PDB file of N, CA and C in Angstrom:
ATOM      1  N   UNK A   1       0.846  -1.183   0.000  1.00  0.00           N
ATOM      2  CA  UNK A   1       0.000   0.000   0.000  1.00  0.00           C
ATOM      3  C   UNK A   1       0.889   1.243   0.000  1.00  0.00           C
ATOM      4  N   UNK A   2       0.541   2.205  -0.805  1.00  0.00           N
ATOM      5  CA  UNK A   2       1.329   3.427  -0.931  1.00  0.00           C
ATOM      6  C   UNK A   2       1.153   4.320   0.293  1.00  0.00           C
ATOM      7  N   UNK A   3       2.169   5.092   0.579  1.00  0.00           N
ATOM      8  CA  UNK A   3       2.083   6.051   1.678  1.00  0.00           C
ATOM      9  C   UNK A   3       1.369   7.312   1.194  1.00  0.00           C
ATOM     10  N   UNK A   4       0.896   8.115   2.143  1.00  0.00           N
ATOM     11  CA  UNK A   4       0.234   9.370   1.792  1.00  0.00           C
ATOM     12  C   UNK A   4       1.201  10.263   1.021  1.00  0.00           C
ATOM     13  N   UNK A   5       2.454  10.288   1.441  1.00  0.00           N
ATOM     14  CA  UNK A   5       3.460  11.115   0.766  1.00  0.00           C
ATOM     15  C   UNK A   5       3.655  10.671  -0.682  1.00  0.00           C
ATOM     16  N   UNK A   6       3.684   9.363  -0.916  1.00  0.00           N
ATOM     17  CA  UNK A   6       3.845   8.839  -2.273  1.00  0.00           C
ATOM     18  C   UNK A   6       2.676   9.255  -3.155  1.00  0.00           C
ATOM     19  N   UNK A   7       1.472   9.128  -2.636  1.00  0.00           N
ATOM     20  CA  UNK A   7       0.283   9.505  -3.408  1.00  0.00           C
ATOM     21  C   UNK A   7       0.266  11.013  -3.640  1.00  0.00           C
ATOM     22  N   UNK A   8       0.560  11.792  -2.607  1.00  0.00           N
ATOM     23  CA  UNK A   8       0.588  13.252  -2.743  1.00  0.00           C
ATOM     24  C   UNK A   8       1.581  13.673  -3.821  1.00  0.00           C
ATOM     25  N   UNK A   9       2.726  13.025  -3.867  1.00  0.00           N
ATOM     26  CA  UNK A   9       3.740  13.366  -4.868  1.00  0.00           C
ATOM     27  C   UNK A   9       3.283  13.061  -6.290  1.00  0.00           C
ATOM     28  N   UNK A  10       2.335  12.168  -6.450  1.00  0.00           N
ATOM     29  CA  UNK A  10       1.815  11.863  -7.792  1.00  0.00           C
ATOM     30  C   UNK A  10       0.912  12.981  -8.307  1.00  0.00           C
ATOM     31  N   UNK A  11       0.371  13.797  -7.412  1.00  0.00           N
ATOM     32  CA  UNK A  11      -0.471  14.923  -7.826  1.00  0.00           C
ATOM     33  C   UNK A  11       0.352  16.124  -8.287  1.00  0.00           C
ATOM     34  N   UNK A  12       1.594  16.235  -7.826  1.00  0.00           N
ATOM     35  CA  UNK A  12       2.419  17.410  -8.142  1.00  0.00           C
ATOM     36  C   UNK A  12       2.704  17.574  -9.631  1.00  0.00           C
ATOM     37  N   UNK A  13       3.087  16.525 -10.371  1.00  0.00           N
ATOM     38  CA  UNK A  13       3.315  16.719 -11.817  1.00  0.00           C
ATOM     39  C   UNK A  13       2.042  17.123 -12.564  1.00  0.00           C
ATOM     40  N   UNK A  14       0.899  16.814 -11.990  1.00  0.00           N
ATOM     41  CA  UNK A  14      -0.376  17.192 -12.599  1.00  0.00           C
ATOM     42  C   UNK A  14      -0.756  18.630 -12.259  1.00  0.00           C
ATOM     43  N   UNK A  15       0.089  19.255 -11.425  1.00  0.00           N
ATOM     44  CA  UNK A  15      -0.114  20.626 -10.944  1.00  0.00           C
ATOM     45  C   UNK A  15      -1.344  20.751 -10.058  1.00  0.00           C
ATOM     46  N   UNK A  16      -1.647  19.690  -9.329  1.00  0.00           N
ATOM     47  CA  UNK A  16      -2.702  19.713  -8.322  1.00  0.00           C
ATOM     48  C   UNK A  16      -2.041  19.913  -6.963  1.00  0.00           C
ATOM     49  N   UNK A  17      -1.382  21.060  -6.811  1.00  0.00           N
ATOM     50  CA  UNK A  17      -0.616  21.306  -5.599  1.00  0.00           C
ATOM     51  C   UNK A  17      -1.496  21.464  -4.370  1.00  0.00           C
ATOM     52  N   UNK A  18      -2.700  21.988  -4.533  1.00  0.00           N
ATOM     53  CA  UNK A  18      -3.613  22.105  -3.400  1.00  0.00           C
ATOM     54  C   UNK A  18      -3.938  20.743  -2.816  1.00  0.00           C
ATOM     55  N   UNK A  19      -4.203  19.783  -3.675  1.00  0.00           N
ATOM     56  CA  UNK A  19      -4.481  18.417  -3.229  1.00  0.00           C
ATOM     57  C   UNK A  19      -3.218  17.804  -2.645  1.00  0.00           C
ATOM     58  N   UNK A  20      -2.098  17.958  -3.342  1.00  0.00           N
ATOM     59  CA  UNK A  20      -0.842  17.366  -2.876  1.00  0.00           C
ATOM     60  C   UNK A  20      -0.471  17.865  -1.489  1.00  0.00           C
ATOM     61  N   UNK A  21      -0.630  19.158  -1.261  1.00  0.00           N
ATOM     62  CA  UNK A  21      -0.237  19.735   0.023  1.00  0.00           C
ATOM     63  C   UNK A  21      -1.243  19.470   1.134  1.00  0.00           C
ATOM     64  N   UNK A  22      -2.494  19.183   0.791  1.00  0.00           N
ATOM     65  CA  UNK A  22      -3.513  18.992   1.814  1.00  0.00           C
ATOM     66  C   UNK A  22      -4.069  17.587   1.899  1.00  0.00           C
ATOM     67  N   UNK A  23      -3.434  16.628   1.234  1.00  0.00           N
ATOM     68  CA  UNK A  23      -3.993  15.279   1.146  1.00  0.00           C
ATOM     69  C   UNK A  23      -4.195  14.640   2.512  1.00  0.00           C
ATOM     70  N   UNK A  24      -3.246  14.794   3.399  1.00  0.00           N
ATOM     71  CA  UNK A  24      -3.360  14.201   4.733  1.00  0.00           C
ATOM     72  C   UNK A  24      -4.617  14.705   5.444  1.00  0.00           C
ATOM     73  N   UNK A  25      -4.830  16.010   5.408  1.00  0.00           N
ATOM     74  CA  UNK A  25      -6.011  16.612   6.043  1.00  0.00           C
ATOM     75  C   UNK A  25      -7.298  16.181   5.338  1.00  0.00           C
ATOM     76  N   UNK A  26      -7.270  16.137   4.020  1.00  0.00           N
ATOM     77  CA  UNK A  26      -8.448  15.734   3.256  1.00  0.00           C
ATOM     78  C   UNK A  26      -8.842  14.290   3.565  1.00  0.00           C
ATOM     79  N   UNK A  27      -7.852  13.419   3.675  1.00  0.00           N
ATOM     80  CA  UNK A  27      -8.130  12.023   4.017  1.00  0.00           C
ATOM     81  C   UNK A  27      -8.708  11.905   5.424  1.00  0.00           C
ATOM     82  N   UNK A  28      -8.178  12.680   6.352  1.00  0.00           N
ATOM     83  CA  UNK A  28      -8.697  12.658   7.725  1.00  0.00           C
ATOM     84  C   UNK A  28     -10.149  13.111   7.763  1.00  0.00           C
ATOM     85  N   UNK A  29     -10.467  14.165   7.007  1.00  0.00           N
ATOM     86  CA  UNK A  29     -11.847  14.652   6.954  1.00  0.00           C
ATOM     87  C   UNK A  29     -12.764  13.600   6.344  1.00  0.00           C
ATOM     88  N   UNK A  30     -12.305  12.932   5.299  1.00  0.00           N
ATOM     89  CA  UNK A  30     -13.113  11.904   4.642  1.00  0.00           C
ATOM     90  C   UNK A  30     -13.393  10.746   5.589  1.00  0.00           C
ATOM     91  N   UNK A  31     -12.385  10.316   6.333  1.00  0.00           N
ATOM     92  CA  UNK A  31     -12.577   9.227   7.292  1.00  0.00           C
ATOM     93  C   UNK A  31     -13.520   9.641   8.407  1.00  0.00           C
ATOM     94  N   UNK A  32     -13.337  10.843   8.946  1.00  0.00           N
ATOM     95  CA  UNK A  32     -14.159  11.320  10.060  1.00  0.00           C
ATOM     96  C   UNK A  32     -15.625  11.436   9.665  1.00  0.00           C
ATOM     97  N   UNK A  33     -15.870  11.778   8.402  1.00  0.00           N
ATOM     98  CA  UNK A  33     -17.242  11.965   7.923  1.00  0.00           C
ATOM     99  C   UNK A  33     -17.782  10.759   7.169  1.00  0.00           C
ATOM    100  N   UNK A  34     -17.004   9.662   7.156  1.00  0.00           N
ATOM    101  CA  UNK A  34     -17.408   8.429   6.473  1.00  0.00           C
ATOM    102  C   UNK A  34     -17.921   8.719   5.060  1.00  0.00           C
ATOM    103  N   UNK A  35     -17.122   9.470   4.309  1.00  0.00           N
ATOM    104  CA  UNK A  35     -17.507   9.884   2.963  1.00  0.00           C
ATOM    105  C   UNK A  35     -17.438   8.719   1.980  1.00  0.00           C
ATOM    106  N   UNK A  36     -18.335   8.746   1.013  1.00  0.00           N
ATOM    107  CA  UNK A  36     -18.274   7.779  -0.081  1.00  0.00           C
ATOM    108  C   UNK A  36     -17.103   8.151  -0.991  1.00  0.00           C
ATOM    109  N   UNK A  37     -16.745   7.233  -1.876  1.00  0.00           N
ATOM    110  CA  UNK A  37     -15.667   7.521  -2.828  1.00  0.00           C
ATOM    111  C   UNK A  37     -16.028   8.709  -3.711  1.00  0.00           C
ATOM    112  N   UNK A  38     -17.283   8.768  -4.118  1.00  0.00           N
ATOM    113  CA  UNK A  38     -17.724   9.863  -4.978  1.00  0.00           C
ATOM    114  C   UNK A  38     -17.665  11.196  -4.240  1.00  0.00           C
ATOM    115  N   UNK A  39     -18.104  11.223  -2.997  1.00  0.00           N
ATOM    116  CA  UNK A  39     -18.050  12.453  -2.206  1.00  0.00           C
ATOM    117  C   UNK A  39     -16.602  12.891  -1.988  1.00  0.00           C
ATOM    118  N   UNK A  40     -15.706  11.924  -1.768  1.00  0.00           N
ATOM    119  CA  UNK A  40     -14.293  12.250  -1.599  1.00  0.00           C
ATOM    120  C   UNK A  40     -13.719  12.827  -2.889  1.00  0.00           C
ATOM    121  N   UNK A  41     -14.061  12.239  -4.023  1.00  0.00           N
ATOM    122  CA  UNK A  41     -13.586  12.751  -5.310  1.00  0.00           C
ATOM    123  C   UNK A  41     -14.077  14.179  -5.533  1.00  0.00           C
ATOM    124  N   UNK A  42     -15.314  14.443  -5.158  1.00  0.00           N
ATOM    125  CA  UNK A  42     -15.858  15.794  -5.292  1.00  0.00           C
ATOM    126  C   UNK A  42     -15.115  16.764  -4.377  1.00  0.00           C
ATOM    127  N   UNK A  43     -14.800  16.321  -3.153  1.00  0.00           N
ATOM    128  CA  UNK A  43     -14.068  17.165  -2.216  1.00  0.00           C
ATOM    129  C   UNK A  43     -12.684  17.502  -2.777  1.00  0.00           C
ATOM    130  N   UNK A  44     -12.022  16.528  -3.400  1.00  0.00           N
ATOM    131  CA  UNK A  44     -10.719  16.797  -4.015  1.00  0.00           C
ATOM    132  C   UNK A  44     -10.845  17.866  -5.098  1.00  0.00           C
ATOM    133  N   UNK A  45     -11.852  17.739  -5.944  1.00  0.00           N
ATOM    134  CA  UNK A  45     -12.052  18.708  -7.021  1.00  0.00           C
ATOM    135  C   UNK A  45     -12.359  20.094  -6.459  1.00  0.00           C
ATOM    136  N   UNK A  46     -13.138  20.152  -5.385  1.00  0.00           N
ATOM    137  CA  UNK A  46     -13.471  21.432  -4.764  1.00  0.00           C
ATOM    138  C   UNK A  46     -12.261  22.064  -4.085  1.00  0.00           C
ATOM    139  N   UNK A  47     -11.343  21.236  -3.614  1.00  0.00           N
ATOM    140  CA  UNK A  47     -10.176  21.733  -2.875  1.00  0.00           C
ATOM    141  C   UNK A  47      -9.143  22.382  -3.795  1.00  0.00           C
ATOM    142  N   UNK A  48      -9.124  21.989  -5.042  1.00  0.00           N
ATOM    143  CA  UNK A  48      -8.128  22.504  -5.987  1.00  0.00           C
ATOM    144  C   UNK A  48      -8.642  23.796  -6.612  1.00  0.00           C
ATOM    145  N   UNK A  49      -7.867  24.890  -6.503  1.00  0.00           N
ATOM    146  CA  UNK A  49      -8.316  26.151  -7.113  1.00  0.00           C
ATOM    147  C   UNK A  49      -8.458  26.020  -8.632  1.00  0.00           C
ATOM    148  N   UNK A  50      -9.398  26.741  -9.179  1.00  0.00           N
ATOM    149  CA  UNK A  50      -9.648  26.686 -10.631  1.00  0.00           C
ATOM    150  C   UNK A  50      -8.582  27.405 -11.415  1.00  0.00           C
TER     151      UNK A  50
END
């Protein structure tokens, strides 16, 4: 299983720096709120500036 740092680093070449820098917090929020995969994906999209 990949580490959070490994996954976060995969977002950087895509220029999703907001997600890369906040992934740990985003995952914690998703777990605390028992989010579905779809809700988590939406949260990631909302977290990244346009």
